[in-house]
Amino acid sequence: MKKGVKQLVEEANNEIETVSIEEAFTLLGQDNVTFVDIRDIRELERDGQISGAVHAPRGMLEFWVDPDSPYHRDLFANGNRFVFYCASAWRSALATKAVQDMGLPNVCHLEGGFSAWKKADGSIEERKPRGS
């Protein structure tokens, strides 16, 4: 293997912005900031999500961001600041780097991910299982 996941995450973290939990607390709820949960839907259903966050599955993220993709979501063209997060800030580092490389401006990720958010007693809302 040429590069392992730890090296990829480290390289991504050297090129992207990471926001602390404290800074994220101040960003949550601002009209021009969107928190984006990239975890698998089963993680959201099991553990909840940051209050007000939108879900963009990691496997679809680049397709949703690209305005030329048939899967594009207008959400990613609204000019907001985007705060990506996953469980531990590994997937979100890679995702943030990918969309930054695509040209999405004003994107960052949450230090420590959802685990750190929960530990800091951040606001969490339940995610209802599909079909309920």
N, C-alpha and C. Protein backbone atom coordinates (compact mmCIF):
# COMPACT_ATOMS: atom_id res chain seq x y z
N MET A 1 0.84 -1.17 0.00
CA MET A 1 0.00 0.00 0.00
C MET A 1 0.89 1.24 0.00
N LYS A 2 0.61 2.17 -0.90
CA LYS A 2 1.42 3.38 -1.00
C LYS A 2 1.14 4.35 0.15
N LYS A 3 -0.14 4.52 0.47
CA LYS A 3 -0.53 5.40 1.57
C LYS A 3 -1.65 4.75 2.34
N GLY A 4 -1.53 4.79 3.64
CA GLY A 4 -2.61 4.28 4.48
C GLY A 4 -3.56 5.40 4.85
N VAL A 5 -4.65 5.03 5.48
CA VAL A 5 -5.68 6.01 5.83
C VAL A 5 -5.14 7.06 6.80
N LYS A 6 -4.29 6.68 7.72
CA LYS A 6 -3.75 7.66 8.67
C LYS A 6 -2.95 8.73 7.95
N GLN A 7 -2.17 8.32 6.95
CA GLN A 7 -1.39 9.30 6.19
C GLN A 7 -2.32 10.21 5.36
N LEU A 8 -3.35 9.62 4.76
CA LEU A 8 -4.30 10.43 3.98
C LEU A 8 -5.00 11.46 4.86
N VAL A 9 -5.43 11.04 6.04
CA VAL A 9 -6.11 11.96 6.96
C VAL A 9 -5.14 13.05 7.42
N GLU A 10 -3.92 12.68 7.74
CA GLU A 10 -2.92 13.66 8.16
C GLU A 10 -2.66 14.69 7.06
N GLU A 11 -2.51 14.22 5.83
CA GLU A 11 -2.29 15.13 4.71
C GLU A 11 -3.49 16.05 4.50
N ALA A 12 -4.68 15.50 4.62
CA ALA A 12 -5.89 16.32 4.48
C ALA A 12 -5.92 17.39 5.57
N ASN A 13 -5.65 17.00 6.79
CA ASN A 13 -5.68 17.96 7.91
C ASN A 13 -4.67 19.09 7.75
N ASN A 14 -3.59 18.85 7.02
CA ASN A 14 -2.60 19.89 6.76
C ASN A 14 -3.09 20.92 5.74
N GLU A 15 -4.16 20.60 5.02
CA GLU A 15 -4.62 21.48 3.94
C GLU A 15 -6.03 22.04 4.16
N ILE A 16 -6.68 21.66 5.24
CA ILE A 16 -8.05 22.10 5.47
C ILE A 16 -8.16 22.84 6.80
N GLU A 17 -9.29 23.50 6.99
CA GLU A 17 -9.55 24.17 8.25
C GLU A 17 -10.30 23.23 9.18
N THR A 18 -9.87 23.21 10.42
CA THR A 18 -10.55 22.43 11.45
C THR A 18 -11.06 23.40 12.50
N VAL A 19 -12.34 23.26 12.87
CA VAL A 19 -12.89 24.13 13.91
C VAL A 19 -13.01 23.35 15.21
N SER A 20 -12.71 24.02 16.29
CA SER A 20 -12.81 23.40 17.61
C SER A 20 -14.28 23.25 17.99
N ILE A 21 -14.52 22.44 18.98
CA ILE A 21 -15.88 22.28 19.50
C ILE A 21 -16.42 23.63 19.99
N GLU A 22 -15.58 24.38 20.68
CA GLU A 22 -16.01 25.68 21.19
C GLU A 22 -16.42 26.61 20.06
N GLU A 23 -15.62 26.65 18.99
CA GLU A 23 -15.97 27.49 17.85
C GLU A 23 -17.24 26.99 17.18
N ALA A 24 -17.37 25.67 17.08
CA ALA A 24 -18.57 25.09 16.47
C ALA A 24 -19.82 25.47 17.26
N PHE A 25 -19.73 25.52 18.59
CA PHE A 25 -20.87 25.95 19.41
C PHE A 25 -21.34 27.34 18.99
N THR A 26 -20.40 28.23 18.67
CA THR A 26 -20.77 29.59 18.28
C THR A 26 -21.33 29.63 16.86
N LEU A 27 -20.94 28.68 16.02
CA LEU A 27 -21.42 28.65 14.63
C LEU A 27 -22.81 28.03 14.50
N LEU A 28 -23.12 27.10 15.38
CA LEU A 28 -24.39 26.39 15.28
C LEU A 28 -25.57 27.36 15.39
N GLY A 29 -26.46 27.27 14.44
CA GLY A 29 -27.64 28.11 14.44
C GLY A 29 -27.50 29.41 13.66
N GLN A 30 -26.29 29.73 13.21
CA GLN A 30 -26.12 30.92 12.37
C GLN A 30 -26.74 30.67 11.00
N ASP A 31 -27.41 31.67 10.47
CA ASP A 31 -28.13 31.52 9.20
C ASP A 31 -27.23 31.14 8.03
N ASN A 32 -25.97 31.56 8.07
CA ASN A 32 -25.08 31.32 6.94
C ASN A 32 -24.12 30.15 7.17
N VAL A 33 -24.45 29.29 8.12
CA VAL A 33 -23.61 28.12 8.44
C VAL A 33 -24.47 26.87 8.38
N THR A 34 -23.96 25.86 7.68
CA THR A 34 -24.66 24.58 7.59
C THR A 34 -23.74 23.48 8.11
N PHE A 35 -24.21 22.76 9.12
CA PHE A 35 -23.50 21.58 9.60
C PHE A 35 -23.93 20.40 8.74
N VAL A 36 -22.96 19.62 8.28
CA VAL A 36 -23.23 18.51 7.37
C VAL A 36 -22.70 17.22 7.99
N ASP A 37 -23.61 16.31 8.28
CA ASP A 37 -23.29 15.01 8.85
C ASP A 37 -23.06 14.04 7.70
N ILE A 38 -21.85 13.51 7.60
CA ILE A 38 -21.55 12.61 6.47
C ILE A 38 -21.53 11.14 6.90
N ARG A 39 -21.96 10.87 8.12
CA ARG A 39 -21.96 9.48 8.59
C ARG A 39 -23.02 8.66 7.86
N ASP A 40 -22.90 7.38 7.99
CA ASP A 40 -23.88 6.45 7.44
C ASP A 40 -25.22 6.65 8.16
N ILE A 41 -26.30 6.48 7.44
CA ILE A 41 -27.64 6.69 7.99
C ILE A 41 -27.88 5.86 9.25
N ARG A 42 -27.30 4.68 9.32
CA ARG A 42 -27.48 3.84 10.53
C ARG A 42 -26.84 4.48 11.75
N GLU A 43 -25.74 5.22 11.56
CA GLU A 43 -25.11 5.92 12.68
C GLU A 43 -26.03 7.04 13.18
N LEU A 44 -26.66 7.75 12.26
CA LEU A 44 -27.57 8.83 12.65
C LEU A 44 -28.78 8.28 13.39
N GLU A 45 -29.33 7.19 12.89
CA GLU A 45 -30.50 6.58 13.53
C GLU A 45 -30.16 6.04 14.91
N ARG A 46 -28.95 5.54 15.08
CA ARG A 46 -28.54 4.97 16.36
C ARG A 46 -28.15 6.05 17.37
N ASP A 47 -27.40 7.08 16.92
CA ASP A 47 -26.78 8.02 17.84
C ASP A 47 -27.34 9.43 17.79
N GLY A 48 -28.20 9.73 16.81
CA GLY A 48 -28.68 11.09 16.64
C GLY A 48 -27.68 11.90 15.83
N GLN A 49 -27.98 13.20 15.72
CA GLN A 49 -27.10 14.08 14.96
C GLN A 49 -27.08 15.44 15.62
N ILE A 50 -26.13 16.27 15.24
CA ILE A 50 -26.08 17.63 15.76
C ILE A 50 -27.38 18.33 15.36
N SER A 51 -27.97 19.02 16.31
CA SER A 51 -29.25 19.70 16.06
C SER A 51 -29.14 20.64 14.86
N GLY A 52 -30.07 20.45 13.92
CA GLY A 52 -30.12 21.30 12.75
C GLY A 52 -29.22 20.89 11.60
N ALA A 53 -28.42 19.85 11.81
CA ALA A 53 -27.50 19.41 10.74
C ALA A 53 -28.29 18.77 9.60
N VAL A 54 -27.69 18.79 8.42
CA VAL A 54 -28.24 18.08 7.28
C VAL A 54 -27.39 16.84 7.04
N HIS A 55 -27.99 15.83 6.47
CA HIS A 55 -27.27 14.59 6.19
C HIS A 55 -26.88 14.54 4.73
N ALA A 56 -25.62 14.29 4.47
CA ALA A 56 -25.11 14.08 3.12
C ALA A 56 -24.19 12.86 3.20
N PRO A 57 -24.68 11.69 2.81
CA PRO A 57 -23.87 10.48 2.95
C PRO A 57 -22.52 10.62 2.25
N ARG A 58 -21.49 10.15 2.90
CA ARG A 58 -20.12 10.28 2.36
C ARG A 58 -20.03 9.76 0.93
N GLY A 59 -20.72 8.70 0.62
CA GLY A 59 -20.65 8.11 -0.71
C GLY A 59 -21.27 8.95 -1.81
N MET A 60 -22.11 9.92 -1.43
CA MET A 60 -22.78 10.78 -2.42
C MET A 60 -22.28 12.22 -2.40
N LEU A 61 -21.43 12.56 -1.46
CA LEU A 61 -21.07 13.95 -1.22
C LEU A 61 -20.56 14.67 -2.46
N GLU A 62 -19.57 14.12 -3.12
CA GLU A 62 -19.01 14.81 -4.29
C GLU A 62 -20.06 14.98 -5.39
N PHE A 63 -20.94 14.00 -5.53
CA PHE A 63 -22.01 14.09 -6.54
C PHE A 63 -23.00 15.19 -6.18
N TRP A 64 -23.30 15.35 -4.89
CA TRP A 64 -24.24 16.37 -4.45
C TRP A 64 -23.64 17.78 -4.56
N VAL A 65 -22.31 17.89 -4.38
CA VAL A 65 -21.63 19.18 -4.43
C VAL A 65 -21.46 19.67 -5.88
N ASP A 66 -21.18 18.78 -6.80
CA ASP A 66 -20.87 19.14 -8.19
C ASP A 66 -22.11 19.64 -8.93
N PRO A 67 -22.12 20.93 -9.34
CA PRO A 67 -23.30 21.45 -10.03
C PRO A 67 -23.55 20.79 -11.39
N ASP A 68 -22.57 20.12 -11.95
CA ASP A 68 -22.74 19.43 -13.23
C ASP A 68 -23.20 17.98 -13.07
N SER A 69 -23.34 17.54 -11.84
CA SER A 69 -23.77 16.17 -11.58
C SER A 69 -25.30 16.09 -11.63
N PRO A 70 -25.82 14.99 -12.14
CA PRO A 70 -27.28 14.83 -12.11
C PRO A 70 -27.83 14.69 -10.69
N TYR A 71 -26.96 14.49 -9.71
CA TYR A 71 -27.37 14.34 -8.32
C TYR A 71 -27.17 15.61 -7.50
N HIS A 72 -26.76 16.71 -8.15
CA HIS A 72 -26.46 17.96 -7.45
C HIS A 72 -27.61 18.39 -6.54
N ARG A 73 -27.23 18.89 -5.36
CA ARG A 73 -28.19 19.44 -4.41
C ARG A 73 -27.93 20.94 -4.27
N ASP A 74 -28.96 21.73 -4.46
CA ASP A 74 -28.84 23.18 -4.38
C ASP A 74 -28.26 23.65 -3.05
N LEU A 75 -28.45 22.87 -2.02
CA LEU A 75 -27.91 23.20 -0.71
C LEU A 75 -26.44 23.61 -0.80
N PHE A 76 -25.68 22.93 -1.65
CA PHE A 76 -24.24 23.17 -1.71
C PHE A 76 -23.87 24.34 -2.62
N ALA A 77 -24.87 25.04 -3.14
CA ALA A 77 -24.62 26.21 -3.97
C ALA A 77 -25.20 27.47 -3.32
N ASN A 78 -25.51 27.39 -2.01
CA ASN A 78 -26.18 28.51 -1.36
C ASN A 78 -25.23 29.54 -0.76
N GLY A 79 -23.92 29.31 -0.86
CA GLY A 79 -22.94 30.28 -0.35
C GLY A 79 -22.68 30.19 1.14
N ASN A 80 -23.28 29.25 1.82
CA ASN A 80 -23.06 29.10 3.26
C ASN A 80 -21.66 28.59 3.56
N ARG A 81 -21.28 28.73 4.82
CA ARG A 81 -20.09 28.06 5.34
C ARG A 81 -20.55 26.65 5.72
N PHE A 82 -19.75 25.65 5.38
CA PHE A 82 -20.11 24.27 5.66
C PHE A 82 -19.15 23.69 6.69
N VAL A 83 -19.73 23.06 7.72
CA VAL A 83 -18.96 22.38 8.76
C VAL A 83 -19.30 20.90 8.63
N PHE A 84 -18.36 20.13 8.11
CA PHE A 84 -18.56 18.69 7.94
C PHE A 84 -18.14 17.97 9.22
N TYR A 85 -18.85 16.88 9.50
CA TYR A 85 -18.43 16.04 10.63
C TYR A 85 -18.82 14.59 10.39
N CYS A 86 -18.08 13.72 11.05
CA CYS A 86 -18.37 12.28 11.07
C CYS A 86 -18.23 11.85 12.52
N ALA A 87 -17.96 10.60 12.77
CA ALA A 87 -17.86 10.12 14.14
C ALA A 87 -16.60 10.62 14.85
N SER A 88 -15.45 10.53 14.17
CA SER A 88 -14.17 10.82 14.82
C SER A 88 -13.29 11.81 14.09
N ALA A 89 -13.78 12.43 13.04
CA ALA A 89 -13.06 13.45 12.26
C ALA A 89 -12.06 12.87 11.27
N TRP A 90 -12.20 11.61 10.92
CA TRP A 90 -11.34 11.03 9.88
C TRP A 90 -12.03 11.16 8.52
N ARG A 91 -13.24 10.64 8.44
CA ARG A 91 -13.99 10.74 7.17
C ARG A 91 -14.25 12.20 6.81
N SER A 92 -14.53 13.00 7.82
CA SER A 92 -14.82 14.41 7.54
C SER A 92 -13.58 15.15 7.05
N ALA A 93 -12.40 14.77 7.52
CA ALA A 93 -11.17 15.39 7.01
C ALA A 93 -11.02 15.08 5.53
N LEU A 94 -11.21 13.82 5.17
CA LEU A 94 -11.09 13.42 3.76
C LEU A 94 -12.18 14.07 2.92
N ALA A 95 -13.38 14.14 3.44
CA ALA A 95 -14.50 14.75 2.70
C ALA A 95 -14.26 16.24 2.51
N THR A 96 -13.81 16.91 3.55
CA THR A 96 -13.55 18.35 3.46
C THR A 96 -12.47 18.62 2.42
N LYS A 97 -11.42 17.82 2.44
CA LYS A 97 -10.35 17.98 1.44
C LYS A 97 -10.88 17.75 0.04
N ALA A 98 -11.72 16.75 -0.15
CA ALA A 98 -12.25 16.43 -1.48
C ALA A 98 -13.10 17.58 -2.02
N VAL A 99 -14.02 18.11 -1.21
CA VAL A 99 -14.88 19.18 -1.72
C VAL A 99 -14.13 20.50 -1.85
N GLN A 100 -13.13 20.69 -1.01
CA GLN A 100 -12.27 21.86 -1.15
C GLN A 100 -11.52 21.78 -2.48
N ASP A 101 -11.00 20.61 -2.80
CA ASP A 101 -10.31 20.41 -4.08
C ASP A 101 -11.25 20.61 -5.26
N MET A 102 -12.53 20.32 -5.06
CA MET A 102 -13.53 20.51 -6.11
C MET A 102 -13.85 21.99 -6.31
N GLY A 103 -13.51 22.82 -5.34
CA GLY A 103 -13.77 24.25 -5.44
C GLY A 103 -14.86 24.77 -4.54
N LEU A 104 -15.40 23.94 -3.65
CA LEU A 104 -16.41 24.43 -2.71
C LEU A 104 -15.71 25.35 -1.71
N PRO A 105 -16.14 26.62 -1.67
CA PRO A 105 -15.48 27.55 -0.76
C PRO A 105 -16.02 27.44 0.66
N ASN A 106 -15.25 27.98 1.59
CA ASN A 106 -15.69 28.16 2.97
C ASN A 106 -16.16 26.86 3.62
N VAL A 107 -15.32 25.85 3.55
CA VAL A 107 -15.64 24.54 4.11
C VAL A 107 -14.58 24.17 5.16
N CYS A 108 -15.04 23.53 6.21
CA CYS A 108 -14.16 23.11 7.29
C CYS A 108 -14.73 21.84 7.90
N HIS A 109 -14.03 21.29 8.90
CA HIS A 109 -14.60 20.14 9.59
C HIS A 109 -14.40 20.26 11.09
N LEU A 110 -15.17 19.46 11.80
CA LEU A 110 -15.26 19.54 13.26
C LEU A 110 -14.19 18.69 13.93
N GLU A 111 -13.38 19.33 14.73
CA GLU A 111 -12.33 18.63 15.47
C GLU A 111 -12.95 17.57 16.39
N GLY A 112 -12.50 16.35 16.26
CA GLY A 112 -12.99 15.27 17.13
C GLY A 112 -14.30 14.66 16.71
N GLY A 113 -15.00 15.30 15.75
CA GLY A 113 -16.23 14.76 15.21
C GLY A 113 -17.39 14.71 16.20
N PHE A 114 -18.37 13.90 15.84
CA PHE A 114 -19.59 13.77 16.65
C PHE A 114 -19.27 13.25 18.05
N SER A 115 -18.28 12.39 18.17
CA SER A 115 -17.90 11.86 19.49
C SER A 115 -17.49 12.99 20.43
N ALA A 116 -16.68 13.92 19.94
CA ALA A 116 -16.24 15.05 20.76
C ALA A 116 -17.42 15.98 21.07
N TRP A 117 -18.31 16.15 20.08
CA TRP A 117 -19.49 16.99 20.27
C TRP A 117 -20.35 16.44 21.42
N LYS A 118 -20.60 15.14 21.39
CA LYS A 118 -21.40 14.50 22.44
C LYS A 118 -20.72 14.64 23.80
N LYS A 119 -19.43 14.42 23.84
CA LYS A 119 -18.67 14.50 25.09
C LYS A 119 -18.74 15.90 25.70
N ALA A 120 -18.84 16.91 24.82
CA ALA A 120 -18.92 18.30 25.27
C ALA A 120 -20.36 18.73 25.52
N ASP A 121 -21.29 17.77 25.51
CA ASP A 121 -22.71 18.04 25.74
C ASP A 121 -23.31 18.99 24.71
N GLY A 122 -22.86 18.84 23.46
CA GLY A 122 -23.45 19.63 22.37
C GLY A 122 -24.88 19.20 22.11
N SER A 123 -25.63 20.08 21.50
CA SER A 123 -27.04 19.83 21.21
C SER A 123 -27.19 18.72 20.16
N ILE A 124 -28.00 17.72 20.51
CA ILE A 124 -28.20 16.55 19.64
C ILE A 124 -29.70 16.33 19.47
N GLU A 125 -30.08 15.98 18.25
CA GLU A 125 -31.47 15.61 18.00
C GLU A 125 -31.52 14.18 17.49
N GLU A 126 -32.61 13.51 17.81
CA GLU A 126 -32.80 12.14 17.35
C GLU A 126 -33.09 12.13 15.86
N ARG A 127 -32.66 11.08 15.23
CA ARG A 127 -32.96 10.86 13.81
C ARG A 127 -33.87 9.64 13.75
N LYS A 128 -35.06 9.83 13.23
CA LYS A 128 -36.01 8.73 13.17
C LYS A 128 -35.58 7.73 12.09
N PRO A 129 -35.73 6.45 12.37
CA PRO A 129 -35.41 5.43 11.36
C PRO A 129 -36.25 5.62 10.11
N ARG A 130 -35.67 5.25 8.98
CA ARG A 130 -36.40 5.34 7.71
C ARG A 130 -37.69 4.54 7.81
N GLY A 131 -38.74 5.08 7.21
CA GLY A 131 -40.00 4.38 7.17
C GLY A 131 -40.86 4.54 8.41
N SER A 132 -40.41 5.35 9.36
CA SER A 132 -41.23 5.51 10.58
C SER A 132 -41.92 6.85 10.58
